[in-house]
Amino acid sequence: MITALILALLAALALRDSGETLARQRLEAATRRIALAIEHGRAAAEASGQPCALELGELGWQAPTGGELPGCAQPITGLDDGGQAAGVELSHNLPAALRFSSTGLVLDGGTVVLSSEGTELRRCLVIALPLGFVRLGRYVGPGQAPPDSAACGPDPTL
């Protein structure tokens, strides 16, 4: 009976740890997809020699719903493989459309914060101007406040 109890406790710990691992993997994948779409937008603008824009919504990047610039020539990029957010929450202070110049420069900046159910880790992505450098990190700011680039610190696990 004691052996069964010990095995049950070990199984419960393993399940809890695997849930956290899966949540972290889901969060890391969503963060990388956000960053990759920015690079694709740059490349599309530079390849066509025309400015373009992307809009970041709850499910990921998409063609802008308004504005004067066309969408960048790339598929809509979801936060996960299935195109649905799958437990990943997103907040950002980007403008309605992230613009790319005809030379591939990012014309707008801001901070994106992603969190996932099942882990306390929050990832951040900062687009810094004037050249549109993108950096990834661990977000340590308050959850309800608008994202702040100062709260996006380095993470040695990246």
C-alpha atoms as a PDB file:
ATOM      1  CA  MET A   1       0.000   0.000   0.000  1.00  0.00           C
ATOM      2  CA  ILE A   2       2.861   2.385   0.830  1.00  0.00           C
ATOM      3  CA  THR A   3       4.547   1.504  -2.462  1.00  0.00           C
ATOM      4  CA  ALA A   4       1.354   2.336  -4.368  1.00  0.00           C
ATOM      5  CA  LEU A   5       1.096   5.681  -2.538  1.00  0.00           C
ATOM      6  CA  ILE A   6       4.698   6.573  -3.353  1.00  0.00           C
ATOM      7  CA  LEU A   7       4.192   5.643  -7.011  1.00  0.00           C
ATOM      8  CA  ALA A   8       1.024   7.751  -7.146  1.00  0.00           C
ATOM      9  CA  LEU A   9       2.886  10.760  -5.696  1.00  0.00           C
ATOM     10  CA  LEU A  10       5.729  10.361  -8.187  1.00  0.00           C
ATOM     11  CA  ALA A  11       3.247  10.089 -11.070  1.00  0.00           C
ATOM     12  CA  ALA A  12       1.444  13.234  -9.913  1.00  0.00           C
ATOM     13  CA  LEU A  13       4.742  15.151  -9.755  1.00  0.00           C
ATOM     14  CA  ALA A  14       5.724  13.925 -13.214  1.00  0.00           C
ATOM     15  CA  LEU A  15       2.373  14.992 -14.688  1.00  0.00           C
ATOM     16  CA  ARG A  16       2.615  18.436 -13.131  1.00  0.00           C
ATOM     17  CA  ASP A  17       6.162  18.931 -14.424  1.00  0.00           C
ATOM     18  CA  SER A  18       5.257  17.729 -17.910  1.00  0.00           C
ATOM     19  CA  GLY A  19       2.313  20.170 -17.991  1.00  0.00           C
ATOM     20  CA  GLU A  20       4.656  23.051 -17.175  1.00  0.00           C
ATOM     21  CA  THR A  21       7.117  21.854 -19.815  1.00  0.00           C
ATOM     22  CA  LEU A  22       4.402  21.704 -22.475  1.00  0.00           C
ATOM     23  CA  ALA A  23       3.148  25.177 -21.526  1.00  0.00           C
ATOM     24  CA  ARG A  24       6.695  26.576 -21.785  1.00  0.00           C
ATOM     25  CA  GLN A  25       7.219  24.913 -25.170  1.00  0.00           C
ATOM     26  CA  ARG A  26       3.922  26.344 -26.420  1.00  0.00           C
ATOM     27  CA  LEU A  27       4.984  29.802 -25.197  1.00  0.00           C
ATOM     28  CA  GLU A  28       8.466  29.573 -26.748  1.00  0.00           C
ATOM     29  CA  ALA A  29       7.034  28.441 -30.100  1.00  0.00           C
ATOM     30  CA  ALA A  30       4.500  31.296 -30.165  1.00  0.00           C
ATOM     31  CA  THR A  31       7.211  33.846 -29.328  1.00  0.00           C
ATOM     32  CA  ARG A  32       9.467  32.574 -32.096  1.00  0.00           C
ATOM     33  CA  ARG A  33       6.592  32.643 -34.607  1.00  0.00           C
ATOM     34  CA  ILE A  34       5.934  36.299 -33.751  1.00  0.00           C
ATOM     35  CA  ALA A  35       9.624  37.142 -34.313  1.00  0.00           C
ATOM     36  CA  LEU A  36       9.842  35.053 -37.489  1.00  0.00           C
ATOM     37  CA  ALA A  37       6.843  36.825 -39.024  1.00  0.00           C
ATOM     38  CA  ILE A  38       8.583  40.174 -38.494  1.00  0.00           C
ATOM     39  CA  GLU A  39      11.606  38.873 -40.389  1.00  0.00           C
ATOM     40  CA  HIS A  40       9.338  37.564 -43.168  1.00  0.00           C
ATOM     41  CA  GLY A  41       7.664  40.986 -43.382  1.00  0.00           C
ATOM     42  CA  ARG A  42      11.059  42.640 -43.747  1.00  0.00           C
ATOM     43  CA  ALA A  43      12.100  40.189 -46.430  1.00  0.00           C
ATOM     44  CA  ALA A  44       8.817  40.566 -48.341  1.00  0.00           C
ATOM     45  CA  ALA A  45       9.071  44.369 -48.378  1.00  0.00           C
ATOM     46  CA  GLU A  46      12.698  44.269 -49.471  1.00  0.00           C
ATOM     47  CA  ALA A  47      12.103  41.621 -52.151  1.00  0.00           C
ATOM     48  CA  SER A  48       9.166  43.493 -53.681  1.00  0.00           C
ATOM     49  CA  GLY A  49      10.736  46.929 -53.267  1.00  0.00           C
ATOM     50  CA  GLN A  50       7.373  48.117 -51.902  1.00  0.00           C
ATOM     51  CA  PRO A  51       6.361  49.051 -48.367  1.00  0.00           C
ATOM     52  CA  CYS A  52       3.891  46.732 -46.641  1.00  0.00           C
ATOM     53  CA  ALA A  53       2.287  46.152 -43.249  1.00  0.00           C
ATOM     54  CA  LEU A  54       1.206  43.412 -40.840  1.00  0.00           C
ATOM     55  CA  GLU A  55      -1.368  43.529 -38.063  1.00  0.00           C
ATOM     56  CA  LEU A  56      -0.938  41.579 -34.823  1.00  0.00           C
ATOM     57  CA  GLY A  57      -4.164  40.108 -33.474  1.00  0.00           C
ATOM     58  CA  GLU A  58      -5.092  37.512 -30.875  1.00  0.00           C
ATOM     59  CA  LEU A  59      -4.333  34.646 -33.266  1.00  0.00           C
ATOM     60  CA  GLY A  60      -1.086  36.072 -34.682  1.00  0.00           C
ATOM     61  CA  TRP A  61      -0.018  38.128 -37.700  1.00  0.00           C
ATOM     62  CA  GLN A  62      -2.433  38.907 -40.499  1.00  0.00           C
ATOM     63  CA  ALA A  63      -2.905  41.345 -43.360  1.00  0.00           C
ATOM     64  CA  PRO A  64      -3.973  44.775 -42.063  1.00  0.00           C
ATOM     65  CA  THR A  65      -7.711  45.351 -41.940  1.00  0.00           C
ATOM     66  CA  GLY A  66      -7.345  49.041 -42.750  1.00  0.00           C
ATOM     67  CA  GLY A  67      -4.775  51.618 -43.681  1.00  0.00           C
ATOM     68  CA  GLU A  68      -3.031  52.558 -46.843  1.00  0.00           C
ATOM     69  CA  LEU A  69      -0.365  49.838 -47.044  1.00  0.00           C
ATOM     70  CA  PRO A  70      -0.978  46.358 -48.451  1.00  0.00           C
ATOM     71  CA  GLY A  71      -0.269  43.261 -46.396  1.00  0.00           C
ATOM     72  CA  CYS A  72       3.202  41.796 -46.708  1.00  0.00           C
ATOM     73  CA  ALA A  73       3.342  38.886 -49.139  1.00  0.00           C
ATOM     74  CA  GLN A  74       3.397  36.067 -46.622  1.00  0.00           C
ATOM     75  CA  PRO A  75       0.885  33.653 -45.181  1.00  0.00           C
ATOM     76  CA  ILE A  76      -0.981  34.575 -42.022  1.00  0.00           C
ATOM     77  CA  THR A  77       1.126  33.317 -39.128  1.00  0.00           C
ATOM     78  CA  GLY A  78      -0.729  31.955 -36.113  1.00  0.00           C
ATOM     79  CA  LEU A  79       0.647  31.601 -32.626  1.00  0.00           C
ATOM     80  CA  ASP A  80       0.699  27.817 -33.025  1.00  0.00           C
ATOM     81  CA  ASP A  81       0.780  25.282 -35.834  1.00  0.00           C
ATOM     82  CA  GLY A  82      -2.994  25.037 -36.042  1.00  0.00           C
ATOM     83  CA  GLY A  83      -3.474  28.798 -36.385  1.00  0.00           C
ATOM     84  CA  GLN A  84      -5.226  29.126 -33.031  1.00  0.00           C
ATOM     85  CA  ALA A  85      -3.853  30.637 -29.868  1.00  0.00           C
ATOM     86  CA  ALA A  86      -4.113  27.335 -27.893  1.00  0.00           C
ATOM     87  CA  GLY A  87      -3.792  28.838 -24.414  1.00  0.00           C
ATOM     88  CA  VAL A  88      -1.309  31.588 -25.311  1.00  0.00           C
ATOM     89  CA  GLU A  89      -2.332  35.079 -24.237  1.00  0.00           C
ATOM     90  CA  LEU A  90      -0.994  38.081 -26.088  1.00  0.00           C
ATOM     91  CA  SER A  91      -0.771  41.760 -25.186  1.00  0.00           C
ATOM     92  CA  HIS A  92       1.136  44.474 -27.010  1.00  0.00           C
ATOM     93  CA  ASN A  93       1.493  48.204 -27.520  1.00  0.00           C
ATOM     94  CA  LEU A  94       2.203  48.050 -31.240  1.00  0.00           C
ATOM     95  CA  PRO A  95       0.321  50.361 -33.597  1.00  0.00           C
ATOM     96  CA  ALA A  96      -2.680  48.974 -35.511  1.00  0.00           C
ATOM     97  CA  ALA A  97      -0.352  47.991 -38.369  1.00  0.00           C
ATOM     98  CA  LEU A  98       3.377  47.303 -38.159  1.00  0.00           C
ATOM     99  CA  ARG A  99       4.893  48.986 -41.231  1.00  0.00           C
ATOM    100  CA  PHE A 100       7.926  47.929 -43.244  1.00  0.00           C
ATOM    101  CA  SER A 101       9.774  50.235 -45.650  1.00  0.00           C
ATOM    102  CA  SER A 102      10.648  49.196 -49.187  1.00  0.00           C
ATOM    103  CA  THR A 103      14.200  48.521 -47.945  1.00  0.00           C
ATOM    104  CA  GLY A 104      13.001  46.174 -45.201  1.00  0.00           C
ATOM    105  CA  LEU A 105      13.287  48.539 -42.224  1.00  0.00           C
ATOM    106  CA  VAL A 106      10.644  48.305 -39.507  1.00  0.00           C
ATOM    107  CA  LEU A 107       9.024  51.726 -39.158  1.00  0.00           C
ATOM    108  CA  ASP A 108       7.163  51.122 -35.903  1.00  0.00           C
ATOM    109  CA  GLY A 109       8.247  49.862 -32.504  1.00  0.00           C
ATOM    110  CA  GLY A 110       6.673  48.403 -29.435  1.00  0.00           C
ATOM    111  CA  THR A 111       6.587  45.532 -26.991  1.00  0.00           C
ATOM    112  CA  VAL A 112       4.738  42.225 -27.229  1.00  0.00           C
ATOM    113  CA  VAL A 113       4.148  40.095 -24.114  1.00  0.00           C
ATOM    114  CA  LEU A 114       3.072  36.454 -24.298  1.00  0.00           C
ATOM    115  CA  SER A 115       1.956  34.215 -21.468  1.00  0.00           C
ATOM    116  CA  SER A 116       0.598  30.698 -21.395  1.00  0.00           C
ATOM    117  CA  GLU A 117      -1.732  28.854 -19.084  1.00  0.00           C
ATOM    118  CA  GLY A 118       0.263  26.368 -17.028  1.00  0.00           C
ATOM    119  CA  THR A 119       3.461  28.373 -16.547  1.00  0.00           C
ATOM    120  CA  GLU A 120       4.428  31.568 -14.756  1.00  0.00           C
ATOM    121  CA  LEU A 121       6.975  32.402 -17.462  1.00  0.00           C
ATOM    122  CA  ARG A 122       6.090  35.429 -19.599  1.00  0.00           C
ATOM    123  CA  ARG A 123       8.050  36.090 -22.769  1.00  0.00           C
ATOM    124  CA  CYS A 124       8.532  39.492 -24.321  1.00  0.00           C
ATOM    125  CA  LEU A 125       9.601  40.701 -27.712  1.00  0.00           C
ATOM    126  CA  VAL A 126      10.748  44.310 -28.153  1.00  0.00           C
ATOM    127  CA  ILE A 127      10.976  46.008 -31.540  1.00  0.00           C
ATOM    128  CA  ALA A 128      13.394  48.879 -31.031  1.00  0.00           C
ATOM    129  CA  LEU A 129      13.697  51.839 -33.362  1.00  0.00           C
ATOM    130  CA  PRO A 130      15.294  53.313 -35.434  1.00  0.00           C
ATOM    131  CA  LEU A 131      16.423  50.105 -37.155  1.00  0.00           C
ATOM    132  CA  GLY A 132      13.740  47.723 -35.916  1.00  0.00           C
ATOM    133  CA  PHE A 133      15.997  45.415 -33.930  1.00  0.00           C
ATOM    134  CA  VAL A 134      14.050  42.620 -32.276  1.00  0.00           C
ATOM    135  CA  ARG A 135      15.088  41.234 -28.912  1.00  0.00           C
ATOM    136  CA  LEU A 136      13.509  38.454 -26.893  1.00  0.00           C
ATOM    137  CA  GLY A 137      13.494  38.215 -23.126  1.00  0.00           C
ATOM    138  CA  ARG A 138      11.625  37.435 -19.915  1.00  0.00           C
ATOM    139  CA  TYR A 139       8.887  39.890 -18.971  1.00  0.00           C
ATOM    140  CA  VAL A 140       8.845  40.951 -15.312  1.00  0.00           C
ATOM    141  CA  GLY A 141       6.312  43.807 -15.439  1.00  0.00           C
ATOM    142  CA  PRO A 142       2.816  43.786 -13.942  1.00  0.00           C
ATOM    143  CA  GLY A 143       0.261  41.658 -15.769  1.00  0.00           C
ATOM    144  CA  GLN A 144      -2.564  44.196 -16.132  1.00  0.00           C
ATOM    145  CA  ALA A 145      -0.495  47.226 -17.145  1.00  0.00           C
ATOM    146  CA  PRO A 146       0.329  47.988 -20.790  1.00  0.00           C
ATOM    147  CA  PRO A 147       3.562  46.294 -21.921  1.00  0.00           C
ATOM    148  CA  ASP A 148       6.744  48.236 -21.165  1.00  0.00           C
ATOM    149  CA  SER A 149      10.068  47.559 -22.907  1.00  0.00           C
ATOM    150  CA  ALA A 150      11.942  48.383 -19.673  1.00  0.00           C
ATOM    151  CA  ALA A 151      10.326  45.305 -18.036  1.00  0.00           C
ATOM    152  CA  CYS A 152      11.665  42.994 -20.767  1.00  0.00           C
ATOM    153  CA  GLY A 153      14.894  41.723 -19.289  1.00  0.00           C
ATOM    154  CA  PRO A 154      17.495  39.345 -20.661  1.00  0.00           C
ATOM    155  CA  ASP A 155      16.960  35.634 -20.158  1.00  0.00           C
ATOM    156  CA  PRO A 156      20.030  33.384 -20.066  1.00  0.00           C
ATOM    157  CA  THR A 157      17.926  30.402 -21.190  1.00  0.00           C
ATOM    158  CA  LEU A 158      17.381  31.935 -24.639  1.00  0.00           C
END
